[in-house]
């Protein structure tokens, strides 16, 4: 669940930043903070690659 959630959140945030252009990176908009939080979630408790290894071993 963590792997799917973080990868999906990162894809959605990236699409939103592309839509907003430069405004997506300005700290005046909440998207900048959300994107940083999503990036941290991808690292917390193991990167996506580590999560894939854990899932593979569990199968």
PDB file of N, CA and C in Angstrom:
ATOM      1  N   UNK A   1       0.832  -1.193   0.000  1.00  0.00           N
ATOM      2  CA  UNK A   1       0.000   0.000   0.000  1.00  0.00           C
ATOM      3  C   UNK A   1       0.877   1.258   0.000  1.00  0.00           C
ATOM      4  N   UNK A   2       1.991   1.221   0.759  1.00  0.00           N
ATOM      5  CA  UNK A   2       2.863   2.394   0.818  1.00  0.00           C
ATOM      6  C   UNK A   2       3.465   2.676  -0.544  1.00  0.00           C
ATOM      7  N   UNK A   3       3.893   1.650  -1.221  1.00  0.00           N
ATOM      8  CA  UNK A   3       4.513   1.814  -2.532  1.00  0.00           C
ATOM      9  C   UNK A   3       3.532   2.445  -3.514  1.00  0.00           C
ATOM     10  N   UNK A   4       2.334   1.911  -3.591  1.00  0.00           N
ATOM     11  CA  UNK A   4       1.330   2.436  -4.517  1.00  0.00           C
ATOM     12  C   UNK A   4       0.949   3.867  -4.162  1.00  0.00           C
ATOM     13  N   UNK A   5       0.725   4.121  -2.885  1.00  0.00           N
ATOM     14  CA  UNK A   5       0.289   5.453  -2.453  1.00  0.00           C
ATOM     15  C   UNK A   5       1.337   6.518  -2.739  1.00  0.00           C
ATOM     16  N   UNK A   6       2.590   6.236  -2.420  1.00  0.00           N
ATOM     17  CA  UNK A   6       3.620   7.256  -2.623  1.00  0.00           C
ATOM     18  C   UNK A   6       3.925   7.478  -4.101  1.00  0.00           C
ATOM     19  N   UNK A   7       3.927   6.408  -4.893  1.00  0.00           N
ATOM     20  CA  UNK A   7       4.186   6.585  -6.321  1.00  0.00           C
ATOM     21  C   UNK A   7       3.038   7.323  -7.003  1.00  0.00           C
ATOM     22  N   UNK A   8       1.811   7.038  -6.599  1.00  0.00           N
ATOM     23  CA  UNK A   8       0.659   7.734  -7.165  1.00  0.00           C
ATOM     24  C   UNK A   8       0.642   9.197  -6.744  1.00  0.00           C
ATOM     25  N   UNK A   9       0.920   9.461  -5.474  1.00  0.00           N
ATOM     26  CA  UNK A   9       0.951  10.846  -4.993  1.00  0.00           C
ATOM     27  C   UNK A   9       2.030  11.652  -5.707  1.00  0.00           C
ATOM     28  N   UNK A  10       3.178  11.042  -5.951  1.00  0.00           N
ATOM     29  CA  UNK A  10       4.254  11.743  -6.652  1.00  0.00           C
ATOM     30  C   UNK A  10       3.856  12.035  -8.095  1.00  0.00           C
ATOM     31  N   UNK A  11       3.191  11.102  -8.741  1.00  0.00           N
ATOM     32  CA  UNK A  11       2.751  11.307 -10.124  1.00  0.00           C
ATOM     33  C   UNK A  11       1.710  12.420 -10.211  1.00  0.00           C
ATOM     34  N   UNK A  12       0.787  12.449  -9.256  1.00  0.00           N
ATOM     35  CA  UNK A  12      -0.246  13.487  -9.235  1.00  0.00           C
ATOM     36  C   UNK A  12       0.375  14.853  -8.974  1.00  0.00           C
ATOM     37  N   UNK A  13       1.279  14.930  -8.009  1.00  0.00           N
ATOM     38  CA  UNK A  13       1.943  16.205  -7.705  1.00  0.00           C
ATOM     39  C   UNK A  13       2.785  16.683  -8.881  1.00  0.00           C
ATOM     40  N   UNK A  14       3.474  15.782  -9.532  1.00  0.00           N
ATOM     41  CA  UNK A  14       4.281  16.161 -10.693  1.00  0.00           C
ATOM     42  C   UNK A  14       3.404  16.705 -11.816  1.00  0.00           C
ATOM     43  N   UNK A  15       2.261  16.069 -12.037  1.00  0.00           N
ATOM     44  CA  UNK A  15       1.335  16.551 -13.066  1.00  0.00           C
ATOM     45  C   UNK A  15       0.785  17.927 -12.703  1.00  0.00           C
ATOM     46  N   UNK A  16       0.480  18.126 -11.424  1.00  0.00           N
ATOM     47  CA  UNK A  16      -0.028  19.428 -10.979  1.00  0.00           C
ATOM     48  C   UNK A  16       1.031  20.512 -11.134  1.00  0.00           C
ATOM     49  N   UNK A  17       2.269  20.192 -10.811  1.00  0.00           N
ATOM     50  CA  UNK A  17       3.359  21.162 -10.967  1.00  0.00           C
ATOM     51  C   UNK A  17       3.554  21.494 -12.443  1.00  0.00           C
ATOM     52  N   UNK A  18       3.479  20.500 -13.306  1.00  0.00           N
ATOM     53  CA  UNK A  18       3.592  20.754 -14.744  1.00  0.00           C
ATOM     54  C   UNK A  18       2.458  21.651 -15.231  1.00  0.00           C
ATOM     55  N   UNK A  19       1.270  21.454 -14.674  1.00  0.00           N
ATOM     56  CA  UNK A  19       0.123  22.268 -15.057  1.00  0.00           C
ATOM     57  C   UNK A  19       0.298  23.714 -14.616  1.00  0.00           C
ATOM     58  N   UNK A  20       0.801  23.913 -13.404  1.00  0.00           N
ATOM     59  CA  UNK A  20       0.973  25.265 -12.870  1.00  0.00           C
ATOM     60  C   UNK A  20       2.234  25.951 -13.375  1.00  0.00           C
ATOM     61  N   UNK A  21       3.143  25.187 -13.922  1.00  0.00           N
ATOM     62  CA  UNK A  21       4.395  25.776 -14.396  1.00  0.00           C
ATOM     63  C   UNK A  21       5.241  26.251 -13.233  1.00  0.00           C
ATOM     64  N   UNK A  22       5.796  27.442 -13.339  1.00  0.00           N
ATOM     65  CA  UNK A  22       6.677  27.987 -12.304  1.00  0.00           C
ATOM     66  C   UNK A  22       5.988  28.203 -10.973  1.00  0.00           C
ATOM     67  N   UNK A  23       4.672  28.428 -10.998  1.00  0.00           N
ATOM     68  CA  UNK A  23       3.946  28.637  -9.749  1.00  0.00           C
ATOM     69  C   UNK A  23       3.951  27.386  -8.871  1.00  0.00           C
ATOM     70  N   UNK A  24       4.160  26.234  -9.460  1.00  0.00           N
ATOM     71  CA  UNK A  24       4.198  24.996  -8.689  1.00  0.00           C
ATOM     72  C   UNK A  24       5.387  24.906  -7.750  1.00  0.00           C
ATOM     73  N   UNK A  25       6.411  25.715  -8.003  1.00  0.00           N
ATOM     74  CA  UNK A  25       7.627  25.681  -7.187  1.00  0.00           C
ATOM     75  C   UNK A  25       7.708  26.834  -6.195  1.00  0.00           C
ATOM     76  N   UNK A  26       6.759  27.758  -6.258  1.00  0.00           N
ATOM     77  CA  UNK A  26       6.784  28.934  -5.387  1.00  0.00           C
ATOM     78  C   UNK A  26       6.167  28.570  -4.045  1.00  0.00           C
ATOM     79  N   UNK A  27       6.819  28.971  -2.972  1.00  0.00           N
ATOM     80  CA  UNK A  27       6.332  28.598  -1.636  1.00  0.00           C
ATOM     81  C   UNK A  27       5.035  29.304  -1.259  1.00  0.00           C
ATOM     82  N   UNK A  28       4.566  30.252  -2.062  1.00  0.00           N
ATOM     83  CA  UNK A  28       3.285  30.911  -1.791  1.00  0.00           C
ATOM     84  C   UNK A  28       2.106  29.980  -2.065  1.00  0.00           C
ATOM     85  N   UNK A  29       2.338  28.937  -2.825  1.00  0.00           N
ATOM     86  CA  UNK A  29       1.284  27.993  -3.166  1.00  0.00           C
ATOM     87  C   UNK A  29       1.479  26.707  -2.364  1.00  0.00           C
ATOM     88  N   UNK A  30       0.382  26.097  -1.883  1.00  0.00           N
ATOM     89  CA  UNK A  30       0.512  24.891  -1.042  1.00  0.00           C
ATOM     90  C   UNK A  30       1.078  23.681  -1.776  1.00  0.00           C
ATOM     91  N   UNK A  31       1.028  23.683  -3.090  1.00  0.00           N
ATOM     92  CA  UNK A  31       1.523  22.530  -3.844  1.00  0.00           C
ATOM     93  C   UNK A  31       3.003  22.279  -3.602  1.00  0.00           C
ATOM     94  N   UNK A  32       3.765  23.328  -3.431  1.00  0.00           N
ATOM     95  CA  UNK A  32       5.205  23.185  -3.179  1.00  0.00           C
ATOM     96  C   UNK A  32       5.443  22.372  -1.912  1.00  0.00           C
ATOM     97  N   UNK A  33       4.692  22.655  -0.863  1.00  0.00           N
ATOM     98  CA  UNK A  33       4.830  21.932   0.407  1.00  0.00           C
ATOM     99  C   UNK A  33       4.355  20.482   0.268  1.00  0.00           C
ATOM    100  N   UNK A  34       3.256  20.299  -0.419  1.00  0.00           N
ATOM    101  CA  UNK A  34       2.718  18.950  -0.613  1.00  0.00           C
ATOM    102  C   UNK A  34       3.727  18.085  -1.369  1.00  0.00           C
ATOM    103  N   UNK A  35       4.345  18.663  -2.401  1.00  0.00           N
ATOM    104  CA  UNK A  35       5.325  17.903  -3.181  1.00  0.00           C
ATOM    105  C   UNK A  35       6.520  17.511  -2.319  1.00  0.00           C
ATOM    106  N   UNK A  36       6.996  18.421  -1.473  1.00  0.00           N
ATOM    107  CA  UNK A  36       8.118  18.090  -0.576  1.00  0.00           C
ATOM    108  C   UNK A  36       7.725  16.981   0.387  1.00  0.00           C
ATOM    109  N   UNK A  37       6.511  17.048   0.923  1.00  0.00           N
ATOM    110  CA  UNK A  37       6.047  16.014   1.850  1.00  0.00           C
ATOM    111  C   UNK A  37       5.957  14.649   1.168  1.00  0.00           C
ATOM    112  N   UNK A  38       5.491  14.642  -0.067  1.00  0.00           N
ATOM    113  CA  UNK A  38       5.390  13.385  -0.815  1.00  0.00           C
ATOM    114  C   UNK A  38       6.774  12.792  -1.045  1.00  0.00           C
ATOM    115  N   UNK A  39       7.745  13.625  -1.382  1.00  0.00           N
ATOM    116  CA  UNK A  39       9.111  13.142  -1.602  1.00  0.00           C
ATOM    117  C   UNK A  39       9.680  12.519  -0.326  1.00  0.00           C
ATOM    118  N   UNK A  40       9.383  13.112   0.824  1.00  0.00           N
ATOM    119  CA  UNK A  40       9.854  12.554   2.095  1.00  0.00           C
ATOM    120  C   UNK A  40       9.176  11.216   2.362  1.00  0.00           C
ATOM    121  N   UNK A  41       7.893  11.116   2.050  1.00  0.00           N
ATOM    122  CA  UNK A  41       7.168   9.857   2.266  1.00  0.00           C
ATOM    123  C   UNK A  41       7.746   8.724   1.424  1.00  0.00           C
ATOM    124  N   UNK A  42       8.287   9.054   0.260  1.00  0.00           N
ATOM    125  CA  UNK A  42       8.887   8.015  -0.578  1.00  0.00           C
ATOM    126  C   UNK A  42      10.150   7.451   0.057  1.00  0.00           C
ATOM    127  N   UNK A  43      10.820   8.223   0.866  1.00  0.00           N
ATOM    128  CA  UNK A  43      12.063   7.785   1.499  1.00  0.00           C
ATOM    129  C   UNK A  43      11.788   7.132   2.851  1.00  0.00           C
ATOM    130  N   UNK A  44      10.791   7.623   3.576  1.00  0.00           N
ATOM    131  CA  UNK A  44      10.482   7.146   4.919  1.00  0.00           C
ATOM    132  C   UNK A  44      10.130   5.658   4.880  1.00  0.00           C
ATOM    133  N   UNK A  45      10.678   4.896   5.783  1.00  0.00           N
ATOM    134  CA  UNK A  45      10.478   3.442   5.895  1.00  0.00           C
ATOM    135  C   UNK A  45      10.922   2.696   4.647  1.00  0.00           C
ATOM    136  N   UNK A  46      11.927   3.200   3.971  1.00  0.00           N
ATOM    137  CA  UNK A  46      12.474   2.506   2.812  1.00  0.00           C
ATOM    138  C   UNK A  46      12.038   3.125   1.505  1.00  0.00           C
ATOM    139  N   UNK A  47      12.966   3.201   0.583  1.00  0.00           N
ATOM    140  CA  UNK A  47      12.649   3.747  -0.733  1.00  0.00           C
ATOM    141  C   UNK A  47      11.719   2.800  -1.479  1.00  0.00           C
ATOM    142  N   UNK A  48      11.228   3.248  -2.604  1.00  0.00           N
ATOM    143  CA  UNK A  48      10.338   2.412  -3.411  1.00  0.00           C
ATOM    144  C   UNK A  48      11.028   1.125  -3.838  1.00  0.00           C
ATOM    145  N   UNK A  49      12.320   1.202  -4.141  1.00  0.00           N
ATOM    146  CA  UNK A  49      13.052  -0.009  -4.522  1.00  0.00           C
ATOM    147  C   UNK A  49      13.111  -1.009  -3.374  1.00  0.00           C
ATOM    148  N   UNK A  50      13.326  -0.523  -2.167  1.00  0.00           N
ATOM    149  CA  UNK A  50      13.350  -1.404  -0.994  1.00  0.00           C
ATOM    150  C   UNK A  50      11.971  -2.017  -0.779  1.00  0.00           C
ATOM    151  N   UNK A  51      10.923  -1.225  -0.946  1.00  0.00           N
ATOM    152  CA  UNK A  51       9.565  -1.744  -0.786  1.00  0.00           C
ATOM    153  C   UNK A  51       9.271  -2.833  -1.819  1.00  0.00           C
ATOM    154  N   UNK A  52       9.756  -2.670  -3.043  1.00  0.00           N
ATOM    155  CA  UNK A  52       9.559  -3.692  -4.079  1.00  0.00           C
ATOM    156  C   UNK A  52      10.249  -4.998  -3.694  1.00  0.00           C
ATOM    157  N   UNK A  53      11.429  -4.899  -3.110  1.00  0.00           N
ATOM    158  CA  UNK A  53      12.150  -6.098  -2.659  1.00  0.00           C
ATOM    159  C   UNK A  53      11.377  -6.793  -1.546  1.00  0.00           C
ATOM    160  N   UNK A  54      10.862  -6.020  -0.601  1.00  0.00           N
ATOM    161  CA  UNK A  54      10.088  -6.587   0.511  1.00  0.00           C
ATOM    162  C   UNK A  54       8.843  -7.292  -0.015  1.00  0.00           C
ATOM    163  N   UNK A  55       8.151  -6.660  -0.961  1.00  0.00           N
ATOM    164  CA  UNK A  55       6.944  -7.259  -1.536  1.00  0.00           C
ATOM    165  C   UNK A  55       7.287  -8.546  -2.277  1.00  0.00           C
ATOM    166  N   UNK A  56       8.363  -8.535  -3.039  1.00  0.00           N
ATOM    167  CA  UNK A  56       8.780  -9.720  -3.794  1.00  0.00           C
ATOM    168  C   UNK A  56       9.107 -10.877  -2.863  1.00  0.00           C
ATOM    169  N   UNK A  57       9.780 -10.599  -1.773  1.00  0.00           N
ATOM    170  CA  UNK A  57      10.122 -11.661  -0.810  1.00  0.00           C
ATOM    171  C   UNK A  57       8.882 -12.228  -0.132  1.00  0.00           C
ATOM    172  N   UNK A  58       7.864 -11.394   0.055  1.00  0.00           N
ATOM    173  CA  UNK A  58       6.645 -11.846   0.722  1.00  0.00           C
ATOM    174  C   UNK A  58       5.795 -12.745  -0.178  1.00  0.00           C
ATOM    175  N   UNK A  59       6.012 -12.640  -1.475  1.00  0.00           N
ATOM    176  CA  UNK A  59       5.221 -13.468  -2.404  1.00  0.00           C
ATOM    177  C   UNK A  59       5.777 -14.826  -2.456  1.00  0.00           C
TER     178      UNK A  59
END
